[in-house]
Amino acid sequence: MPVRLLNSAVFEWPGRGPVLDAARRWAEQLVRRDSAVLSVFCVGSYARGDWGVGSDLDIVVLVSTCEPSVVERRRRFEPTGLPVPADVMVFTADEWTQLAEDRPQLVARLESERLTLCDTQQASRIG
């Protein structure tokens, strides 16, 4: 998490590299432990490279199947070990396809920002 510099009101916010490294480690563990996970990627300011003090990490988890409850999804895919707060959005492959049909501009923007953290093909090579 961000730290306050000694004798200063200024926060030092973690840089993009350490944040993405931690997110990749979490995503790799997630893909290895949960066979429903197809892909984990980030979007938003950390993906685009224009993050700043106070930025959170926006993570999308695509799964083959999942509980319908948002609360259960958040519990199941709660990120750990990240140096900044994270907002995790979990979609089944069918939901992602439906979202692309219902909100094509949104999905096009998210896909243009997409920075893959881990997917099932990467996980099979890792471990």
Protein backbone atom coordinates (compact mmCIF):
# COMPACT_ATOMS: atom_id res chain seq x y z
CA MET A 1 0.00 0.00 0.00
CA PRO A 2 1.10 3.58 -0.35
CA VAL A 3 3.47 4.84 2.32
CA ARG A 4 3.92 8.28 3.80
CA LEU A 5 7.43 9.64 3.45
CA LEU A 6 9.07 10.55 6.77
CA ASN A 7 8.34 14.11 7.95
CA SER A 8 6.20 14.77 4.89
CA ALA A 9 2.56 14.98 3.95
CA VAL A 10 3.42 13.36 0.59
CA PHE A 11 2.50 9.77 -0.18
CA GLU A 12 4.80 7.62 -2.26
CA TRP A 13 2.56 5.61 -4.56
CA PRO A 14 3.92 2.33 -5.94
CA GLY A 15 5.15 2.49 -9.52
CA ARG A 16 3.61 0.64 -12.43
CA GLY A 17 6.26 -2.10 -12.58
CA PRO A 18 5.93 -3.34 -8.99
CA VAL A 19 2.12 -3.15 -9.15
CA LEU A 20 1.93 -5.18 -12.38
CA ASP A 21 4.54 -7.67 -11.11
CA ALA A 22 2.46 -8.29 -7.97
CA ALA A 23 -0.72 -8.54 -10.05
CA ARG A 24 0.91 -11.08 -12.39
CA ARG A 25 2.00 -13.22 -9.43
CA TRP A 26 -1.54 -13.14 -8.02
CA ALA A 27 -3.07 -13.91 -11.44
CA GLU A 28 -0.69 -16.85 -12.02
CA GLN A 29 -1.63 -18.34 -8.64
CA LEU A 30 -5.31 -17.78 -9.37
CA VAL A 31 -5.16 -19.51 -12.77
CA ARG A 32 -3.26 -22.48 -11.28
CA ARG A 33 -5.64 -22.89 -8.33
CA ASP A 34 -8.99 -22.35 -10.09
CA SER A 35 -9.66 -24.34 -13.26
CA ALA A 36 -12.60 -22.11 -14.19
CA VAL A 37 -10.31 -19.12 -14.79
CA LEU A 38 -9.62 -18.53 -18.47
CA SER A 39 -7.82 -15.19 -18.40
CA VAL A 40 -6.89 -12.38 -16.03
CA PHE A 41 -6.13 -8.93 -17.39
CA CYS A 42 -6.05 -5.34 -16.27
CA VAL A 43 -7.60 -2.28 -17.86
CA GLY A 44 -7.65 1.36 -16.89
CA SER A 45 -4.84 3.63 -15.83
CA TYR A 46 -2.26 0.94 -14.93
CA ALA A 47 -2.89 -0.84 -18.23
CA ARG A 48 -2.66 2.42 -20.21
CA GLY A 49 0.38 3.66 -18.26
CA ASP A 50 -1.21 6.89 -17.03
CA TRP A 51 -1.66 5.85 -13.37
CA GLY A 52 -1.01 8.30 -10.57
CA VAL A 53 -1.28 8.76 -6.84
CA GLY A 54 -4.57 7.23 -5.75
CA SER A 55 -5.02 4.99 -8.81
CA ASP A 56 -6.43 1.55 -8.19
CA LEU A 57 -5.82 -1.51 -10.31
CA ASP A 58 -8.79 -2.51 -12.47
CA ILE A 59 -8.75 -6.28 -13.03
CA VAL A 60 -11.01 -8.39 -15.24
CA VAL A 61 -11.24 -12.13 -14.60
CA LEU A 62 -12.83 -14.22 -17.36
CA VAL A 63 -14.11 -17.60 -16.21
CA SER A 64 -15.89 -20.54 -17.79
CA THR A 65 -18.47 -20.75 -14.99
CA CYS A 66 -19.12 -18.85 -11.78
CA GLU A 67 -21.62 -18.14 -9.04
CA PRO A 68 -24.19 -15.54 -10.06
CA SER A 69 -23.78 -13.48 -6.87
CA VAL A 70 -21.45 -10.48 -7.11
CA VAL A 71 -20.59 -10.97 -3.43
CA GLU A 72 -19.59 -14.60 -3.99
CA ARG A 73 -17.54 -13.66 -7.04
CA ARG A 74 -15.69 -10.99 -5.10
CA ARG A 75 -15.01 -13.42 -2.25
CA ARG A 76 -13.78 -16.13 -4.62
CA PHE A 77 -11.51 -13.81 -6.61
CA GLU A 78 -10.38 -11.37 -3.91
CA PRO A 79 -6.87 -10.22 -4.86
CA THR A 80 -4.13 -10.59 -2.27
CA GLY A 81 -0.60 -9.24 -2.05
CA LEU A 82 -1.18 -6.19 -4.24
CA PRO A 83 0.47 -2.89 -3.27
CA VAL A 84 -2.59 -0.82 -4.32
CA PRO A 85 -6.36 -1.29 -4.01
CA ALA A 86 -7.93 -3.36 -6.77
CA ASP A 87 -11.34 -3.38 -8.39
CA VAL A 88 -12.06 -6.88 -9.70
CA MET A 89 -14.76 -7.55 -12.29
CA VAL A 90 -15.60 -11.20 -12.93
CA PHE A 91 -17.38 -12.30 -16.10
CA THR A 92 -18.17 -15.70 -17.52
CA ALA A 93 -17.23 -16.10 -21.18
CA ASP A 94 -20.94 -15.97 -22.04
CA GLU A 95 -21.44 -12.77 -20.03
CA TRP A 96 -18.44 -11.15 -21.76
CA THR A 97 -19.89 -12.07 -25.15
CA GLN A 98 -23.28 -10.68 -24.13
CA LEU A 99 -21.67 -7.49 -22.82
CA ALA A 100 -19.91 -7.08 -26.18
CA GLU A 101 -23.28 -7.33 -27.91
CA ASP A 102 -25.08 -5.01 -25.47
CA ARG A 103 -22.28 -2.47 -24.97
CA PRO A 104 -19.88 -2.81 -27.92
CA GLN A 105 -18.16 0.54 -27.33
CA LEU A 106 -17.39 -0.33 -23.70
CA VAL A 107 -15.96 -3.73 -24.56
CA ALA A 108 -13.98 -2.26 -27.47
CA ARG A 109 -12.42 0.28 -25.09
CA LEU A 110 -11.63 -2.39 -22.49
CA GLU A 111 -10.13 -4.67 -25.15
CA SER A 112 -7.99 -1.78 -26.47
CA GLU A 113 -6.59 -1.24 -22.95
CA ARG A 114 -6.26 -4.95 -22.14
CA LEU A 115 -2.97 -5.90 -20.52
CA THR A 116 -2.91 -9.66 -19.94
CA LEU A 117 -1.66 -10.68 -16.51
CA CYS A 118 -2.11 -14.43 -17.02
CA ASP A 119 -4.22 -16.84 -19.02
CA THR A 120 -4.57 -20.60 -19.11
CA GLN A 121 -1.90 -21.02 -21.79
CA GLN A 122 0.64 -18.99 -19.79
CA ALA A 123 -0.17 -20.91 -16.60
CA SER A 124 0.48 -24.26 -18.27
CA ARG A 125 3.97 -23.05 -19.23
CA ILE A 126 4.66 -21.62 -15.74
CA GLY A 127 3.75 -24.51 -13.57
